[in-house]
Amino acid sequence: MTLAYQLRIELRDFKPAIYRDVLVDPATPLPKFHKLIQAAMGWEDVHMHGFAVPIKSERYYRVQANRRFEKPYADSWGEPSNNESRFKLQDVMAAPKDKLL
Protein backbone atom coordinates (compact mmCIF):
# COMPACT_ATOMS: atom_id res chain seq x y z
CA MET A 1 0.00 0.00 0.00
CA THR A 2 1.34 3.42 -0.98
CA LEU A 3 0.66 6.33 1.34
CA ALA A 4 -0.39 9.65 -0.19
CA TYR A 5 -1.36 13.03 1.17
CA GLN A 6 -4.60 14.45 -0.19
CA LEU A 7 -3.98 18.19 -0.38
CA ARG A 8 -6.01 21.20 -1.38
CA ILE A 9 -3.92 23.87 -3.09
CA GLU A 10 -5.96 27.05 -2.69
CA LEU A 11 -5.33 30.68 -3.56
CA ARG A 12 -5.88 32.84 -0.52
CA ASP A 13 -8.52 35.60 -0.43
CA PHE A 14 -10.48 34.62 -3.55
CA LYS A 15 -14.27 34.25 -3.58
CA PRO A 16 -15.32 31.89 -4.99
CA ALA A 17 -12.33 29.76 -4.01
CA ILE A 18 -9.73 28.88 -6.65
CA TYR A 19 -8.18 25.52 -5.82
CA ARG A 20 -6.92 22.14 -6.97
CA ASP A 21 -7.11 18.88 -5.04
CA VAL A 22 -4.04 16.66 -5.50
CA LEU A 23 -2.60 13.41 -4.18
CA VAL A 24 1.08 13.69 -3.27
CA ASP A 25 3.67 11.25 -1.96
CA PRO A 26 4.72 12.50 1.51
CA ALA A 27 8.38 11.83 0.60
CA THR A 28 8.22 14.42 -2.21
CA PRO A 29 11.07 16.94 -1.88
CA LEU A 30 9.85 20.54 -1.59
CA PRO A 31 11.41 21.64 -4.93
CA LYS A 32 9.50 18.84 -6.69
CA PHE A 33 6.32 19.81 -4.79
CA HIS A 34 6.78 23.34 -6.13
CA LYS A 35 6.82 21.94 -9.68
CA LEU A 36 3.69 19.90 -8.94
CA ILE A 37 1.89 23.07 -7.76
CA GLN A 38 2.97 24.90 -10.94
CA ALA A 39 1.57 22.09 -13.11
CA ALA A 40 -1.66 21.68 -11.12
CA MET A 41 -2.43 25.41 -11.29
CA GLY A 42 -1.33 25.81 -14.93
CA TRP A 43 1.35 28.33 -14.01
CA GLU A 44 4.67 28.96 -15.78
CA ASP A 45 7.05 29.32 -12.80
CA VAL A 46 7.90 33.00 -13.38
CA HIS A 47 7.89 34.22 -9.74
CA MET A 48 10.05 33.48 -6.72
CA HIS A 49 8.53 30.98 -4.34
CA GLY A 50 8.88 29.62 -0.84
CA PHE A 51 6.99 27.55 1.70
CA ALA A 52 6.06 28.51 5.25
CA VAL A 53 4.43 26.75 8.19
CA PRO A 54 1.97 29.31 9.61
CA ILE A 55 0.58 29.72 13.08
CA LYS A 56 -3.14 30.41 12.70
CA SER A 57 -3.69 32.89 9.84
CA GLU A 58 -0.16 34.32 9.51
CA ARG A 59 0.83 35.78 6.15
CA TYR A 60 3.95 34.40 4.47
CA TYR A 61 6.40 37.18 5.35
CA ARG A 62 5.18 37.29 8.96
CA VAL A 63 6.23 33.66 9.47
CA GLN A 64 9.52 33.41 11.36
CA ALA A 65 12.51 32.39 9.24
CA ASN A 66 12.90 29.06 11.08
CA ARG A 67 9.45 28.04 9.76
CA ARG A 68 10.13 29.14 6.15
CA PHE A 69 11.62 26.95 3.40
CA GLU A 70 13.07 28.70 0.34
CA LYS A 71 15.79 28.51 -2.27
CA PRO A 72 18.92 30.18 -0.91
CA TYR A 73 19.41 33.49 -2.73
CA ALA A 74 22.76 35.27 -2.73
CA ASP A 75 21.16 38.70 -2.36
CA SER A 76 18.58 37.79 0.31
CA TRP A 77 18.09 40.04 3.32
CA GLY A 78 16.90 39.35 6.85
CA GLU A 79 17.25 36.09 8.71
CA PRO A 80 18.12 33.13 6.51
CA SER A 81 15.35 30.60 6.07
CA ASN A 82 15.67 26.83 5.66
CA ASN A 83 17.00 25.57 2.32
CA GLU A 84 13.94 23.93 0.72
CA SER A 85 16.05 21.30 -1.06
CA ARG A 86 16.83 19.67 2.31
CA PHE A 87 13.19 19.03 3.20
CA LYS A 88 10.37 16.77 2.08
CA LEU A 89 6.65 17.39 2.32
CA GLN A 90 6.37 15.01 5.29
CA ASP A 91 8.92 17.16 7.18
CA VAL A 92 6.69 20.23 7.08
CA MET A 93 3.22 18.62 7.05
CA ALA A 94 3.02 15.76 9.51
CA ALA A 95 -0.57 15.77 10.79
CA PRO A 96 -4.04 15.99 9.22
CA LYS A 97 -5.21 19.61 8.75
CA ASP A 98 -1.61 20.96 8.76
CA LYS A 99 -1.27 24.03 6.56
CA LEU A 100 1.55 25.21 4.36
CA LEU A 101 1.77 28.61 2.71
PDB file of N, CA and C in Angstrom:
ATOM      1  N   MET A   1       0.843  -1.185   0.000  1.00  0.00           N
ATOM      2  CA  MET A   1       0.000   0.000   0.000  1.00  0.00           C
ATOM      3  C   MET A   1       0.886   1.244   0.000  1.00  0.00           C
ATOM      4  N   THR A   2       0.598   2.167  -0.887  1.00  0.00           N
ATOM      5  CA  THR A   2       1.340   3.422  -0.975  1.00  0.00           C
ATOM      6  C   THR A   2       0.567   4.507  -0.254  1.00  0.00           C
ATOM      7  N   LEU A   3       1.263   5.233   0.607  1.00  0.00           N
ATOM      8  CA  LEU A   3       0.662   6.331   1.342  1.00  0.00           C
ATOM      9  C   LEU A   3       0.712   7.592   0.498  1.00  0.00           C
ATOM     10  N   ALA A   4      -0.357   8.380   0.529  1.00  0.00           N
ATOM     11  CA  ALA A   4      -0.387   9.653  -0.191  1.00  0.00           C
ATOM     12  C   ALA A   4      -1.096  10.688   0.670  1.00  0.00           C
ATOM     13  N   TYR A   5      -0.661  11.915   0.550  1.00  0.00           N
ATOM     14  CA  TYR A   5      -1.361  13.027   1.173  1.00  0.00           C
ATOM     15  C   TYR A   5      -2.390  13.549   0.169  1.00  0.00           C
ATOM     16  N   GLN A   6      -3.607  13.775   0.634  1.00  0.00           N
ATOM     17  CA  GLN A   6      -4.600  14.451  -0.186  1.00  0.00           C
ATOM     18  C   GLN A   6      -4.570  15.913   0.232  1.00  0.00           C
ATOM     19  N   LEU A   7      -4.170  16.770  -0.687  1.00  0.00           N
ATOM     20  CA  LEU A   7      -3.978  18.189  -0.377  1.00  0.00           C
ATOM     21  C   LEU A   7      -4.890  19.060  -1.220  1.00  0.00           C
ATOM     22  N   ARG A   8      -5.293  20.168  -0.639  1.00  0.00           N
ATOM     23  CA  ARG A   8      -6.009  21.205  -1.384  1.00  0.00           C
ATOM     24  C   ARG A   8      -5.058  22.376  -1.541  1.00  0.00           C
ATOM     25  N   ILE A   9      -4.744  22.705  -2.780  1.00  0.00           N
ATOM     26  CA  ILE A   9      -3.918  23.871  -3.094  1.00  0.00           C
ATOM     27  C   ILE A   9      -4.903  24.985  -3.412  1.00  0.00           C
ATOM     28  N   GLU A  10      -4.942  26.008  -2.562  1.00  0.00           N
ATOM     29  CA  GLU A  10      -5.957  27.049  -2.692  1.00  0.00           C
ATOM     30  C   GLU A  10      -5.320  28.428  -2.665  1.00  0.00           C
ATOM     31  N   LEU A  11      -5.782  29.296  -3.566  1.00  0.00           N
ATOM     32  CA  LEU A  11      -5.329  30.679  -3.563  1.00  0.00           C
ATOM     33  C   LEU A  11      -6.062  31.419  -2.455  1.00  0.00           C
ATOM     34  N   ARG A  12      -5.323  32.136  -1.663  1.00  0.00           N
ATOM     35  CA  ARG A  12      -5.878  32.843  -0.516  1.00  0.00           C
ATOM     36  C   ARG A  12      -6.653  34.081  -0.958  1.00  0.00           C
ATOM     37  N   ASP A  13      -7.735  34.374  -0.257  1.00  0.00           N
ATOM     38  CA  ASP A  13      -8.520  35.604  -0.427  1.00  0.00           C
ATOM     39  C   ASP A  13      -9.288  35.701  -1.737  1.00  0.00           C
ATOM     40  N   PHE A  14      -9.651  34.581  -2.345  1.00  0.00           N
ATOM     41  CA  PHE A  14     -10.484  34.623  -3.546  1.00  0.00           C
ATOM     42  C   PHE A  14     -11.856  34.048  -3.237  1.00  0.00           C
ATOM     43  N   LYS A  15     -12.893  34.725  -3.700  1.00  0.00           N
ATOM     44  CA  LYS A  15     -14.267  34.251  -3.579  1.00  0.00           C
ATOM     45  C   LYS A  15     -14.885  34.324  -4.960  1.00  0.00           C
ATOM     46  N   PRO A  16     -15.367  33.247  -5.525  1.00  0.00           N
ATOM     47  CA  PRO A  16     -15.316  31.891  -4.993  1.00  0.00           C
ATOM     48  C   PRO A  16     -13.875  31.364  -4.970  1.00  0.00           C
ATOM     49  N   ALA A  17     -13.672  30.329  -4.191  1.00  0.00           N
ATOM     50  CA  ALA A  17     -12.333  29.763  -4.013  1.00  0.00           C
ATOM     51  C   ALA A  17     -11.772  29.234  -5.328  1.00  0.00           C
ATOM     52  N   ILE A  18     -10.468  29.434  -5.514  1.00  0.00           N
ATOM     53  CA  ILE A  18      -9.733  28.881  -6.650  1.00  0.00           C
ATOM     54  C   ILE A  18      -8.785  27.842  -6.062  1.00  0.00           C
ATOM     55  N   TYR A  19      -8.972  26.583  -6.447  1.00  0.00           N
ATOM     56  CA  TYR A  19      -8.179  25.523  -5.820  1.00  0.00           C
ATOM     57  C   TYR A  19      -8.030  24.321  -6.734  1.00  0.00           C
ATOM     58  N   ARG A  20      -7.099  23.453  -6.351  1.00  0.00           N
ATOM     59  CA  ARG A  20      -6.917  22.142  -6.974  1.00  0.00           C
ATOM     60  C   ARG A  20      -6.723  21.141  -5.849  1.00  0.00           C
ATOM     61  N   ASP A  21      -7.336  19.978  -5.976  1.00  0.00           N
ATOM     62  CA  ASP A  21      -7.109  18.879  -5.043  1.00  0.00           C
ATOM     63  C   ASP A  21      -6.121  17.918  -5.696  1.00  0.00           C
ATOM     64  N   VAL A  22      -5.083  17.532  -4.966  1.00  0.00           N
ATOM     65  CA  VAL A  22      -4.041  16.661  -5.504  1.00  0.00           C
ATOM     66  C   VAL A  22      -3.681  15.572  -4.502  1.00  0.00           C
ATOM     67  N   LEU A  23      -3.174  14.468  -5.014  1.00  0.00           N
ATOM     68  CA  LEU A  23      -2.598  13.409  -4.181  1.00  0.00           C
ATOM     69  C   LEU A  23      -1.092  13.482  -4.357  1.00  0.00           C
ATOM     70  N   VAL A  24      -0.366  13.504  -3.230  1.00  0.00           N
ATOM     71  CA  VAL A  24       1.085  13.693  -3.273  1.00  0.00           C
ATOM     72  C   VAL A  24       1.762  12.699  -2.339  1.00  0.00           C
ATOM     73  N   ASP A  25       2.843  12.118  -2.795  1.00  0.00           N
ATOM     74  CA  ASP A  25       3.671  11.253  -1.964  1.00  0.00           C
ATOM     75  C   ASP A  25       4.289  12.104  -0.854  1.00  0.00           C
ATOM     76  N   PRO A  26       4.151  11.721   0.414  1.00  0.00           N
ATOM     77  CA  PRO A  26       4.723  12.503   1.514  1.00  0.00           C
ATOM     78  C   PRO A  26       6.243  12.662   1.426  1.00  0.00           C
ATOM     79  N   ALA A  27       6.924  11.770   0.721  1.00  0.00           N
ATOM     80  CA  ALA A  27       8.383  11.832   0.596  1.00  0.00           C
ATOM     81  C   ALA A  27       8.820  12.755  -0.546  1.00  0.00           C
ATOM     82  N   THR A  28       7.894  13.498  -1.126  1.00  0.00           N
ATOM     83  CA  THR A  28       8.216  14.415  -2.211  1.00  0.00           C
ATOM     84  C   THR A  28       9.078  15.564  -1.694  1.00  0.00           C
ATOM     85  N   PRO A  29      10.253  15.787  -2.282  1.00  0.00           N
ATOM     86  CA  PRO A  29      11.073  16.936  -1.880  1.00  0.00           C
ATOM     87  C   PRO A  29      10.337  18.247  -2.204  1.00  0.00           C
ATOM     88  N   LEU A  30      10.549  19.270  -1.387  1.00  0.00           N
ATOM     89  CA  LEU A  30       9.848  20.543  -1.593  1.00  0.00           C
ATOM     90  C   LEU A  30      10.065  21.146  -2.981  1.00  0.00           C
ATOM     91  N   PRO A  31      11.275  21.101  -3.570  1.00  0.00           N
ATOM     92  CA  PRO A  31      11.410  21.635  -4.931  1.00  0.00           C
ATOM     93  C   PRO A  31      10.514  20.904  -5.945  1.00  0.00           C
ATOM     94  N   LYS A  32      10.371  19.598  -5.790  1.00  0.00           N
ATOM     95  CA  LYS A  32       9.496  18.836  -6.685  1.00  0.00           C
ATOM     96  C   LYS A  32       8.030  19.178  -6.400  1.00  0.00           C
ATOM     97  N   PHE A  33       7.684  19.406  -5.137  1.00  0.00           N
ATOM     98  CA  PHE A  33       6.324  19.808  -4.788  1.00  0.00           C
ATOM     99  C   PHE A  33       5.993  21.156  -5.430  1.00  0.00           C
ATOM    100  N   HIS A  34       6.967  22.054  -5.452  1.00  0.00           N
ATOM    101  CA  HIS A  34       6.776  23.337  -6.129  1.00  0.00           C
ATOM    102  C   HIS A  34       6.403  23.127  -7.597  1.00  0.00           C
ATOM    103  N   LYS A  35       7.112  22.223  -8.271  1.00  0.00           N
ATOM    104  CA  LYS A  35       6.820  21.937  -9.679  1.00  0.00           C
ATOM    105  C   LYS A  35       5.427  21.338  -9.847  1.00  0.00           C
ATOM    106  N   LEU A  36       5.024  20.489  -8.909  1.00  0.00           N
ATOM    107  CA  LEU A  36       3.689  19.900  -8.943  1.00  0.00           C
ATOM    108  C   LEU A  36       2.621  20.994  -8.828  1.00  0.00           C
ATOM    109  N   ILE A  37       2.836  21.957  -7.923  1.00  0.00           N
ATOM    110  CA  ILE A  37       1.890  23.068  -7.763  1.00  0.00           C
ATOM    111  C   ILE A  37       1.799  23.859  -9.061  1.00  0.00           C
ATOM    112  N   GLN A  38       2.950  24.150  -9.680  1.00  0.00           N
ATOM    113  CA  GLN A  38       2.966  24.899 -10.936  1.00  0.00           C
ATOM    114  C   GLN A  38       2.134  24.180 -12.002  1.00  0.00           C
ATOM    115  N   ALA A  39       2.306  22.877 -12.116  1.00  0.00           N
ATOM    116  CA  ALA A  39       1.569  22.094 -13.109  1.00  0.00           C
ATOM    117  C   ALA A  39       0.074  22.039 -12.783  1.00  0.00           C
ATOM    118  N   ALA A  40      -0.255  21.805 -11.523  1.00  0.00           N
ATOM    119  CA  ALA A  40      -1.661  21.683 -11.123  1.00  0.00           C
ATOM    120  C   ALA A  40      -2.435  22.979 -11.355  1.00  0.00           C
ATOM    121  N   MET A  41      -1.767  24.114 -11.150  1.00  0.00           N
ATOM    122  CA  MET A  41      -2.434  25.406 -11.292  1.00  0.00           C
ATOM    123  C   MET A  41      -2.315  25.964 -12.717  1.00  0.00           C
ATOM    124  N   GLY A  42      -1.512  25.328 -13.566  1.00  0.00           N
ATOM    125  CA  GLY A  42      -1.332  25.809 -14.930  1.00  0.00           C
ATOM    126  C   GLY A  42      -0.436  27.037 -15.011  1.00  0.00           C
ATOM    127  N   TRP A  43       0.460  27.172 -14.065  1.00  0.00           N
ATOM    128  CA  TRP A  43       1.355  28.326 -14.015  1.00  0.00           C
ATOM    129  C   TRP A  43       2.650  28.031 -14.760  1.00  0.00           C
ATOM    130  N   GLU A  44       3.454  29.085 -14.991  1.00  0.00           N
ATOM    131  CA  GLU A  44       4.669  28.959 -15.785  1.00  0.00           C
ATOM    132  C   GLU A  44       5.946  29.200 -14.980  1.00  0.00           C
ATOM    133  N   ASP A  45       5.881  29.199 -13.675  1.00  0.00           N
ATOM    134  CA  ASP A  45       7.051  29.320 -12.797  1.00  0.00           C
ATOM    135  C   ASP A  45       7.871  30.582 -13.099  1.00  0.00           C
ATOM    136  N   VAL A  46       7.216  31.744 -13.069  1.00  0.00           N
ATOM    137  CA  VAL A  46       7.898  32.999 -13.379  1.00  0.00           C
ATOM    138  C   VAL A  46       8.129  33.882 -12.144  1.00  0.00           C
ATOM    139  N   HIS A  47       7.704  33.437 -10.968  1.00  0.00           N
ATOM    140  CA  HIS A  47       7.894  34.221  -9.744  1.00  0.00           C
ATOM    141  C   HIS A  47       8.704  33.425  -8.729  1.00  0.00           C
ATOM    142  N   MET A  48       9.360  34.145  -7.824  1.00  0.00           N
ATOM    143  CA  MET A  48      10.052  33.479  -6.718  1.00  0.00           C
ATOM    144  C   MET A  48       9.002  32.726  -5.896  1.00  0.00           C
ATOM    145  N   HIS A  49       9.457  31.730  -5.180  1.00  0.00           N
ATOM    146  CA  HIS A  49       8.526  30.976  -4.344  1.00  0.00           C
ATOM    147  C   HIS A  49       9.203  30.586  -3.038  1.00  0.00           C
ATOM    148  N   GLY A  50       8.405  30.146  -2.110  1.00  0.00           N
ATOM    149  CA  GLY A  50       8.884  29.622  -0.841  1.00  0.00           C
ATOM    150  C   GLY A  50       7.721  28.951  -0.151  1.00  0.00           C
ATOM    151  N   PHE A  51       8.009  28.208   0.893  1.00  0.00           N
ATOM    152  CA  PHE A  51       6.986  27.546   1.696  1.00  0.00           C
ATOM    153  C   PHE A  51       7.133  28.035   3.129  1.00  0.00           C
ATOM    154  N   ALA A  52       6.019  28.080   3.855  1.00  0.00           N
ATOM    155  CA  ALA A  52       6.061  28.513   5.248  1.00  0.00           C
ATOM    156  C   ALA A  52       5.003  27.759   6.049  1.00  0.00           C
ATOM    157  N   VAL A  53       5.358  27.401   7.278  1.00  0.00           N
ATOM    158  CA  VAL A  53       4.432  26.748   8.190  1.00  0.00           C
ATOM    159  C   VAL A  53       3.839  27.840   9.087  1.00  0.00           C
ATOM    160  N   PRO A  54       2.561  28.188   8.863  1.00  0.00           N
ATOM    161  CA  PRO A  54       1.975  29.305   9.606  1.00  0.00           C
ATOM    162  C   PRO A  54       1.449  28.889  10.980  1.00  0.00           C
ATOM    163  N   ILE A  55       1.320  29.872  11.828  1.00  0.00           N
ATOM    164  CA  ILE A  55       0.582  29.717  13.080  1.00  0.00           C
ATOM    165  C   ILE A  55      -0.700  30.505  12.879  1.00  0.00           C
ATOM    166  N   LYS A  56      -1.819  29.822  12.968  1.00  0.00           N
ATOM    167  CA  LYS A  56      -3.140  30.410  12.700  1.00  0.00           C
ATOM    168  C   LYS A  56      -3.178  31.019  11.309  1.00  0.00           C
ATOM    169  N   SER A  57      -3.492  32.289  11.173  1.00  0.00           N
ATOM    170  CA  SER A  57      -3.688  32.885   9.844  1.00  0.00           C
ATOM    171  C   SER A  57      -2.552  33.817   9.441  1.00  0.00           C
ATOM    172  N   GLU A  58      -1.331  33.508   9.874  1.00  0.00           N
ATOM    173  CA  GLU A  58      -0.162  34.320   9.510  1.00  0.00           C
ATOM    174  C   GLU A  58      -0.022  34.447   7.999  1.00  0.00           C
ATOM    175  N   ARG A  59       0.460  35.582   7.554  1.00  0.00           N
ATOM    176  CA  ARG A  59       0.829  35.778   6.154  1.00  0.00           C
ATOM    177  C   ARG A  59       2.269  35.323   5.977  1.00  0.00           C
ATOM    178  N   TYR A  60       2.646  35.015   4.743  1.00  0.00           N
ATOM    179  CA  TYR A  60       3.947  34.405   4.467  1.00  0.00           C
ATOM    180  C   TYR A  60       5.116  35.156   5.100  1.00  0.00           C
ATOM    181  N   TYR A  61       5.223  36.449   4.867  1.00  0.00           N
ATOM    182  CA  TYR A  61       6.398  37.177   5.348  1.00  0.00           C
ATOM    183  C   TYR A  61       6.329  37.517   6.830  1.00  0.00           C
ATOM    184  N   ARG A  62       5.259  37.150   7.497  1.00  0.00           N
ATOM    185  CA  ARG A  62       5.178  37.290   8.959  1.00  0.00           C
ATOM    186  C   ARG A  62       5.641  36.015   9.668  1.00  0.00           C
ATOM    187  N   VAL A  63       5.784  34.937   8.903  1.00  0.00           N
ATOM    188  CA  VAL A  63       6.233  33.659   9.473  1.00  0.00           C
ATOM    189  C   VAL A  63       7.726  33.766   9.777  1.00  0.00           C
ATOM    190  N   GLN A  64       8.113  33.350  10.977  1.00  0.00           N
ATOM    191  CA  GLN A  64       9.523  33.408  11.362  1.00  0.00           C
ATOM    192  C   GLN A  64      10.381  32.587  10.401  1.00  0.00           C
ATOM    193  N   ALA A  65      11.599  33.020  10.200  1.00  0.00           N
ATOM    194  CA  ALA A  65      12.511  32.388   9.239  1.00  0.00           C
ATOM    195  C   ALA A  65      12.706  30.901   9.514  1.00  0.00           C
ATOM    196  N   ASN A  66      12.678  30.488  10.772  1.00  0.00           N
ATOM    197  CA  ASN A  66      12.898  29.064  11.076  1.00  0.00           C
ATOM    198  C   ASN A  66      11.720  28.185  10.648  1.00  0.00           C
ATOM    199  N   ARG A  67      10.602  28.793  10.259  1.00  0.00           N
ATOM    200  CA  ARG A  67       9.447  28.045   9.755  1.00  0.00           C
ATOM    201  C   ARG A  67       9.200  28.329   8.276  1.00  0.00           C
ATOM    202  N   ARG A  68      10.205  28.899   7.593  1.00  0.00           N
ATOM    203  CA  ARG A  68      10.130  29.144   6.152  1.00  0.00           C
ATOM    204  C   ARG A  68      11.145  28.259   5.432  1.00  0.00           C
ATOM    205  N   PHE A  69      10.797  27.862   4.203  1.00  0.00           N
ATOM    206  CA  PHE A  69      11.620  26.952   3.399  1.00  0.00           C
ATOM    207  C   PHE A  69      11.687  27.548   1.997  1.00  0.00           C
ATOM    208  N   GLU A  70      12.893  27.971   1.604  1.00  0.00           N
ATOM    209  CA  GLU A  70      13.069  28.697   0.345  1.00  0.00           C
ATOM    210  C   GLU A  70      14.364  28.269  -0.328  1.00  0.00           C
ATOM    211  N   LYS A  71      14.506  28.654  -1.587  1.00  0.00           N
ATOM    212  CA  LYS A  71      15.793  28.510  -2.267  1.00  0.00           C
ATOM    213  C   LYS A  71      16.734  29.517  -1.627  1.00  0.00           C
ATOM    214  N   PRO A  72      17.993  29.164  -1.411  1.00  0.00           N
ATOM    215  CA  PRO A  72      18.925  30.176  -0.911  1.00  0.00           C
ATOM    216  C   PRO A  72      19.266  31.165  -2.032  1.00  0.00           C
ATOM    217  N   TYR A  73      19.097  32.444  -1.758  1.00  0.00           N
ATOM    218  CA  TYR A  73      19.405  33.494  -2.731  1.00  0.00           C
ATOM    219  C   TYR A  73      20.595  34.286  -2.233  1.00  0.00           C
ATOM    220  N   ALA A  74      21.532  34.560  -3.105  1.00  0.00           N
ATOM    221  CA  ALA A  74      22.757  35.275  -2.732  1.00  0.00           C
ATOM    222  C   ALA A  74      22.469  36.682  -2.229  1.00  0.00           C
ATOM    223  N   ASP A  75      21.446  37.318  -2.751  1.00  0.00           N
ATOM    224  CA  ASP A  75      21.159  38.697  -2.364  1.00  0.00           C
ATOM    225  C   ASP A  75      20.003  38.818  -1.367  1.00  0.00           C
ATOM    226  N   SER A  76      19.698  37.734  -0.640  1.00  0.00           N
ATOM    227  CA  SER A  76      18.582  37.787   0.310  1.00  0.00           C
ATOM    228  C   SER A  76      18.938  38.649   1.515  1.00  0.00           C
ATOM    229  N   TRP A  77      17.908  39.182   2.155  1.00  0.00           N
ATOM    230  CA  TRP A  77      18.090  40.041   3.324  1.00  0.00           C
ATOM    231  C   TRP A  77      17.306  39.450   4.486  1.00  0.00           C
ATOM    232  N   GLY A  78      17.591  39.884   5.668  1.00  0.00           N
ATOM    233  CA  GLY A  78      16.904  39.350   6.850  1.00  0.00           C
ATOM    234  C   GLY A  78      17.493  38.028   7.285  1.00  0.00           C
ATOM    235  N   GLU A  79      16.792  37.386   8.195  1.00  0.00           N
ATOM    236  CA  GLU A  79      17.250  36.095   8.707  1.00  0.00           C
ATOM    237  C   GLU A  79      17.180  35.032   7.617  1.00  0.00           C
ATOM    238  N   PRO A  80      18.187  34.182   7.520  1.00  0.00           N
ATOM    239  CA  PRO A  80      18.124  33.126   6.509  1.00  0.00           C
ATOM    240  C   PRO A  80      17.064  32.090   6.875  1.00  0.00           C
ATOM    241  N   SER A  81      16.347  31.639   5.865  1.00  0.00           N
ATOM    242  CA  SER A  81      15.346  30.598   6.073  1.00  0.00           C
ATOM    243  C   SER A  81      15.983  29.237   5.802  1.00  0.00           C
ATOM    244  N   ASN A  82      15.198  28.184   5.941  1.00  0.00           N
ATOM    245  CA  ASN A  82      15.666  26.828   5.659  1.00  0.00           C
ATOM    246  C   ASN A  82      15.791  26.620   4.153  1.00  0.00           C
ATOM    247  N   ASN A  83      16.816  25.896   3.738  1.00  0.00           N
ATOM    248  CA  ASN A  83      17.001  25.566   2.324  1.00  0.00           C
ATOM    249  C   ASN A  83      15.973  24.498   1.952  1.00  0.00           C
ATOM    250  N   GLU A  84      15.046  24.841   1.065  1.00  0.00           N
ATOM    251  CA  GLU A  84      13.945  23.934   0.719  1.00  0.00           C
ATOM    252  C   GLU A  84      14.426  22.587   0.179  1.00  0.00           C
ATOM    253  N   SER A  85      15.593  22.551  -0.450  1.00  0.00           N
ATOM    254  CA  SER A  85      16.054  21.297  -1.057  1.00  0.00           C
ATOM    255  C   SER A  85      16.413  20.242  -0.009  1.00  0.00           C
ATOM    256  N   ARG A  86      16.497  20.627   1.238  1.00  0.00           N
ATOM    257  CA  ARG A  86      16.835  19.674   2.309  1.00  0.00           C
ATOM    258  C   ARG A  86      15.606  19.085   2.994  1.00  0.00           C
ATOM    259  N   PHE A  87      14.414  19.442   2.511  1.00  0.00           N
ATOM    260  CA  PHE A  87      13.186  19.025   3.199  1.00  0.00           C
ATOM    261  C   PHE A  87      12.213  18.362   2.243  1.00  0.00           C
ATOM    262  N   LYS A  88      11.431  17.450   2.808  1.00  0.00           N
ATOM    263  CA  LYS A  88      10.368  16.767   2.080  1.00  0.00           C
ATOM    264  C   LYS A  88       9.030  17.235   2.637  1.00  0.00           C
ATOM    265  N   LEU A  89       7.981  16.973   1.894  1.00  0.00           N
ATOM    266  CA  LEU A  89       6.648  17.385   2.315  1.00  0.00           C
ATOM    267  C   LEU A  89       6.314  16.849   3.713  1.00  0.00           C
ATOM    268  N   GLN A  90       6.669  15.611   3.988  1.00  0.00           N
ATOM    269  CA  GLN A  90       6.372  15.009   5.292  1.00  0.00           C
ATOM    270  C   GLN A  90       7.120  15.695   6.442  1.00  0.00           C
ATOM    271  N   ASP A  91       8.177  16.432   6.145  1.00  0.00           N
ATOM    272  CA  ASP A  91       8.915  17.158   7.184  1.00  0.00           C
ATOM    273  C   ASP A  91       8.172  18.407   7.638  1.00  0.00           C
ATOM    274  N   VAL A  92       7.367  18.965   6.761  1.00  0.00           N
ATOM    275  CA  VAL A  92       6.690  20.229   7.079  1.00  0.00           C
ATOM    276  C   VAL A  92       5.185  20.071   7.279  1.00  0.00           C
ATOM    277  N   MET A  93       4.646  18.932   6.872  1.00  0.00           N
ATOM    278  CA  MET A  93       3.221  18.622   7.054  1.00  0.00           C
ATOM    279  C   MET A  93       3.145  17.202   7.599  1.00  0.00           C
ATOM    280  N   ALA A  94       2.969  17.079   8.899  1.00  0.00           N
ATOM    281  CA  ALA A  94       3.017  15.756   9.513  1.00  0.00           C
ATOM    282  C   ALA A  94       1.664  15.255  10.005  1.00  0.00           C
ATOM    283  N   ALA A  95       0.708  16.154  10.206  1.00  0.00           N
ATOM    284  CA  ALA A  95      -0.573  15.767  10.795  1.00  0.00           C
ATOM    285  C   ALA A  95      -1.729  16.238   9.911  1.00  0.00           C
ATOM    286  N   PRO A  96      -2.869  15.538   9.968  1.00  0.00           N
ATOM    287  CA  PRO A  96      -4.042  15.995   9.223  1.00  0.00           C
ATOM    288  C   PRO A  96      -4.373  17.450   9.587  1.00  0.00           C
ATOM    289  N   LYS A  97      -4.805  18.201   8.603  1.00  0.00           N
ATOM    290  CA  LYS A  97      -5.207  19.610   8.753  1.00  0.00           C
ATOM    291  C   LYS A  97      -4.019  20.561   8.856  1.00  0.00           C
ATOM    292  N   ASP A  98      -2.763  20.058   8.790  1.00  0.00           N
ATOM    293  CA  ASP A  98      -1.614  20.958   8.763  1.00  0.00           C
ATOM    294  C   ASP A  98      -1.732  21.866   7.532  1.00  0.00           C
ATOM    295  N   LYS A  99      -1.228  23.070   7.662  1.00  0.00           N
ATOM    296  CA  LYS A  99      -1.267  24.028   6.564  1.00  0.00           C
ATOM    297  C   LYS A  99       0.142  24.413   6.166  1.00  0.00           C
ATOM    298  N   LEU A 100       0.272  24.783   4.900  1.00  0.00           N
ATOM    299  CA  LEU A 100       1.545  25.212   4.364  1.00  0.00           C
ATOM    300  C   LEU A 100       1.250  26.375   3.426  1.00  0.00           C
ATOM    301  N   LEU A 101       1.948  27.469   3.616  1.00  0.00           N
ATOM    302  CA  LEU A 101       1.774  28.614   2.711  1.00  0.00           C
ATOM    303  C   LEU A 101       2.781  28.495   1.587  1.00  0.00           C
TER     304      LEU A 101
END
